[in-house]
Amino acid sequence: MKRLAVAVDDHPLDYAEFEGVIPEREYGAGKVEIWDRGVYEEEKWGDDEVIVMLKGEKLRGRYCLIKFEKVKDGWLLFRCD
């Protein structure tokens, strides 16, 4: 199964534990939840392709990100093992 991933600006590490609701009309408005936690091991890191081994609480395995030109800053994410 493929998913669309879109690059966003870097966030301060202080945000890593934040969950809650950001009010309307504020940057990033909406519900914020931590869906998974873990680490990754880089296998390949290129301009158009990234391959990592994810070791999360939910996502585990080898995943690929391929640049998706139809969406600005878009990538296709899929399990590749």
N, C-alpha and C. Protein backbone atom coordinates (compact mmCIF):
# COMPACT_ATOMS: atom_id res chain seq x y z
N MET A 1 0.84 -1.17 0.00
CA MET A 1 0.00 0.00 0.00
C MET A 1 0.89 1.25 0.00
N LYS A 2 0.59 2.20 -0.85
CA LYS A 2 1.37 3.43 -0.95
C LYS A 2 0.64 4.56 -0.22
N ARG A 3 1.42 5.44 0.37
CA ARG A 3 0.89 6.61 1.06
C ARG A 3 1.62 7.84 0.55
N LEU A 4 0.93 8.98 0.53
CA LEU A 4 1.54 10.24 0.15
C LEU A 4 2.13 10.88 1.40
N ALA A 5 3.40 11.25 1.34
CA ALA A 5 4.07 11.96 2.43
C ALA A 5 4.48 13.32 1.88
N VAL A 6 4.27 14.37 2.65
CA VAL A 6 4.62 15.72 2.21
C VAL A 6 5.59 16.32 3.21
N ALA A 7 6.70 16.84 2.70
CA ALA A 7 7.72 17.46 3.56
C ALA A 7 7.15 18.71 4.22
N VAL A 8 7.50 18.92 5.47
CA VAL A 8 7.11 20.12 6.22
C VAL A 8 8.36 20.74 6.82
N ASP A 9 8.22 21.97 7.33
CA ASP A 9 9.35 22.63 7.98
C ASP A 9 9.78 21.83 9.21
N ASP A 10 11.07 21.92 9.53
CA ASP A 10 11.56 21.30 10.76
C ASP A 10 10.87 21.93 11.96
N HIS A 11 10.67 21.13 12.99
CA HIS A 11 10.05 21.58 14.23
C HIS A 11 11.06 21.47 15.37
N PRO A 12 10.95 22.33 16.38
CA PRO A 12 11.83 22.20 17.55
C PRO A 12 11.59 20.86 18.25
N LEU A 13 12.63 20.31 18.86
CA LEU A 13 12.49 19.04 19.57
C LEU A 13 11.47 19.12 20.71
N ASP A 14 11.24 20.32 21.23
CA ASP A 14 10.24 20.48 22.30
C ASP A 14 8.86 20.02 21.84
N TYR A 15 8.60 20.04 20.54
CA TYR A 15 7.29 19.65 20.01
C TYR A 15 7.12 18.13 19.96
N ALA A 16 8.17 17.36 20.18
CA ALA A 16 8.12 15.91 20.01
C ALA A 16 7.11 15.24 20.93
N GLU A 17 6.79 15.84 22.05
CA GLU A 17 5.85 15.24 23.00
C GLU A 17 4.48 15.91 22.98
N PHE A 18 4.28 16.90 22.10
CA PHE A 18 3.02 17.66 22.12
C PHE A 18 1.89 16.87 21.48
N GLU A 19 0.77 16.81 22.19
CA GLU A 19 -0.49 16.30 21.66
C GLU A 19 -1.57 17.26 22.13
N GLY A 20 -2.55 17.51 21.29
CA GLY A 20 -3.63 18.40 21.67
C GLY A 20 -4.26 19.02 20.43
N VAL A 21 -4.95 20.13 20.63
CA VAL A 21 -5.63 20.82 19.53
C VAL A 21 -5.05 22.21 19.39
N ILE A 22 -4.64 22.55 18.17
CA ILE A 22 -4.19 23.90 17.85
C ILE A 22 -5.41 24.64 17.31
N PRO A 23 -5.77 25.77 17.92
CA PRO A 23 -6.99 26.49 17.54
C PRO A 23 -7.00 26.92 16.06
N GLU A 24 -8.23 27.05 15.51
CA GLU A 24 -8.40 27.56 14.15
C GLU A 24 -7.73 28.92 14.02
N ARG A 25 -7.29 29.23 12.82
CA ARG A 25 -6.61 30.48 12.46
C ARG A 25 -5.20 30.58 13.03
N GLU A 26 -4.70 29.52 13.67
CA GLU A 26 -3.30 29.47 14.09
C GLU A 26 -2.57 28.51 13.19
N TYR A 27 -1.26 28.75 13.01
CA TYR A 27 -0.45 27.90 12.14
C TYR A 27 -0.51 26.45 12.63
N GLY A 28 -0.84 25.54 11.74
CA GLY A 28 -0.93 24.13 12.08
C GLY A 28 -2.23 23.74 12.75
N ALA A 29 -3.27 24.55 12.58
CA ALA A 29 -4.55 24.32 13.27
C ALA A 29 -5.05 22.90 13.07
N GLY A 30 -5.62 22.35 14.14
CA GLY A 30 -6.22 21.02 14.09
C GLY A 30 -5.71 20.13 15.20
N LYS A 31 -6.13 18.88 15.15
CA LYS A 31 -5.75 17.90 16.17
C LYS A 31 -4.34 17.39 15.91
N VAL A 32 -3.55 17.30 16.96
CA VAL A 32 -2.18 16.79 16.87
C VAL A 32 -2.09 15.56 17.77
N GLU A 33 -1.66 14.44 17.20
CA GLU A 33 -1.47 13.25 18.01
C GLU A 33 -0.17 12.55 17.60
N ILE A 34 0.45 11.90 18.54
CA ILE A 34 1.65 11.12 18.26
C ILE A 34 1.18 9.73 17.85
N TRP A 35 1.42 9.37 16.59
CA TRP A 35 0.93 8.12 16.07
C TRP A 35 1.91 6.98 16.30
N ASP A 36 3.21 7.29 16.27
CA ASP A 36 4.23 6.25 16.44
C ASP A 36 5.49 6.90 16.98
N ARG A 37 6.32 6.09 17.61
CA ARG A 37 7.64 6.53 18.09
C ARG A 37 8.64 5.46 17.71
N GLY A 38 9.89 5.87 17.51
CA GLY A 38 10.91 4.89 17.21
C GLY A 38 12.14 5.54 16.62
N VAL A 39 12.95 4.71 15.98
CA VAL A 39 14.19 5.16 15.35
C VAL A 39 14.24 4.59 13.94
N TYR A 40 15.19 5.08 13.16
CA TYR A 40 15.39 4.54 11.81
C TYR A 40 16.87 4.36 11.54
N GLU A 41 17.18 3.45 10.63
CA GLU A 41 18.53 3.27 10.13
C GLU A 41 18.50 3.61 8.65
N GLU A 42 19.35 4.53 8.25
CA GLU A 42 19.43 4.97 6.86
C GLU A 42 20.15 3.93 6.02
N GLU A 43 19.53 3.56 4.90
CA GLU A 43 20.17 2.65 3.94
C GLU A 43 20.62 3.42 2.70
N LYS A 44 19.76 4.33 2.24
CA LYS A 44 20.09 5.15 1.06
C LYS A 44 19.41 6.50 1.24
N TRP A 45 20.12 7.59 0.94
CA TRP A 45 19.55 8.92 1.10
C TRP A 45 19.93 9.75 -0.13
N GLY A 46 19.03 9.80 -1.12
CA GLY A 46 19.29 10.54 -2.34
C GLY A 46 18.27 11.66 -2.52
N ASP A 47 18.44 12.44 -3.58
CA ASP A 47 17.52 13.54 -3.85
C ASP A 47 16.13 13.06 -4.25
N ASP A 48 16.06 11.89 -4.89
CA ASP A 48 14.79 11.38 -5.40
C ASP A 48 14.33 10.07 -4.75
N GLU A 49 15.17 9.49 -3.91
CA GLU A 49 14.84 8.21 -3.29
C GLU A 49 15.50 8.10 -1.92
N VAL A 50 14.73 7.64 -0.95
CA VAL A 50 15.24 7.42 0.40
C VAL A 50 14.77 6.02 0.83
N ILE A 51 15.69 5.24 1.39
CA ILE A 51 15.35 3.92 1.90
C ILE A 51 15.83 3.85 3.35
N VAL A 52 14.91 3.49 4.25
CA VAL A 52 15.23 3.41 5.67
C VAL A 52 14.64 2.14 6.28
N MET A 53 15.26 1.68 7.35
CA MET A 53 14.71 0.60 8.16
C MET A 53 14.07 1.27 9.36
N LEU A 54 12.73 1.18 9.47
CA LEU A 54 12.01 1.79 10.58
C LEU A 54 11.89 0.79 11.72
N LYS A 55 12.11 1.30 12.92
CA LYS A 55 11.99 0.48 14.13
C LYS A 55 11.10 1.23 15.10
N GLY A 56 9.82 1.29 14.78
CA GLY A 56 8.86 2.00 15.60
C GLY A 56 8.02 1.06 16.42
N GLU A 57 7.14 1.64 17.22
CA GLU A 57 6.22 0.82 18.00
C GLU A 57 5.15 0.21 17.09
N LYS A 58 4.79 0.92 16.01
CA LYS A 58 3.79 0.43 15.05
C LYS A 58 4.43 0.04 13.73
N LEU A 59 5.19 0.95 13.14
CA LEU A 59 5.83 0.68 11.84
C LEU A 59 7.19 0.04 12.07
N ARG A 60 7.38 -1.11 11.44
CA ARG A 60 8.66 -1.80 11.50
C ARG A 60 8.93 -2.37 10.12
N GLY A 61 10.16 -2.25 9.67
CA GLY A 61 10.53 -2.81 8.38
C GLY A 61 11.22 -1.81 7.49
N ARG A 62 11.49 -2.25 6.28
CA ARG A 62 12.21 -1.45 5.29
C ARG A 62 11.19 -0.65 4.47
N TYR A 63 11.35 0.67 4.47
CA TYR A 63 10.43 1.56 3.77
C TYR A 63 11.18 2.42 2.76
N CYS A 64 10.49 2.71 1.66
CA CYS A 64 11.06 3.53 0.59
C CYS A 64 10.22 4.80 0.42
N LEU A 65 10.90 5.88 0.15
CA LEU A 65 10.26 7.15 -0.22
C LEU A 65 10.78 7.51 -1.61
N ILE A 66 9.87 7.71 -2.53
CA ILE A 66 10.22 8.07 -3.91
C ILE A 66 9.60 9.43 -4.20
N LYS A 67 10.40 10.37 -4.73
CA LYS A 67 9.92 11.71 -5.05
C LYS A 67 8.72 11.62 -5.97
N PHE A 68 7.66 12.37 -5.62
CA PHE A 68 6.40 12.36 -6.38
C PHE A 68 6.21 13.76 -6.95
N GLU A 69 6.55 13.93 -8.20
CA GLU A 69 6.61 15.26 -8.84
C GLU A 69 5.24 15.94 -8.98
N LYS A 70 4.15 15.17 -8.92
CA LYS A 70 2.83 15.77 -9.12
C LYS A 70 2.37 16.61 -7.93
N VAL A 71 3.04 16.46 -6.78
CA VAL A 71 2.68 17.20 -5.57
C VAL A 71 3.93 17.92 -5.07
N LYS A 72 3.82 19.23 -4.81
CA LYS A 72 4.96 19.99 -4.32
C LYS A 72 5.46 19.37 -3.01
N ASP A 73 6.74 19.09 -2.94
CA ASP A 73 7.37 18.47 -1.77
C ASP A 73 6.77 17.11 -1.44
N GLY A 74 6.18 16.43 -2.44
CA GLY A 74 5.52 15.16 -2.21
C GLY A 74 6.43 13.96 -2.42
N TRP A 75 6.17 12.93 -1.65
CA TRP A 75 6.90 11.67 -1.72
C TRP A 75 5.89 10.52 -1.61
N LEU A 76 6.15 9.42 -2.29
CA LEU A 76 5.36 8.21 -2.10
C LEU A 76 6.10 7.33 -1.10
N LEU A 77 5.39 6.91 -0.06
CA LEU A 77 5.95 6.07 0.98
C LEU A 77 5.35 4.68 0.86
N PHE A 78 6.19 3.66 0.85
CA PHE A 78 5.68 2.29 0.82
C PHE A 78 6.69 1.33 1.42
N ARG A 79 6.17 0.23 1.90
CA ARG A 79 7.05 -0.81 2.46
C ARG A 79 7.72 -1.52 1.29
N CYS A 80 9.01 -1.73 1.40
CA CYS A 80 9.73 -2.29 0.25
C CYS A 80 10.51 -3.55 0.60
N ASP A 81 10.09 -4.29 1.61
CA ASP A 81 10.78 -5.55 1.90
C ASP A 81 9.83 -6.73 1.85
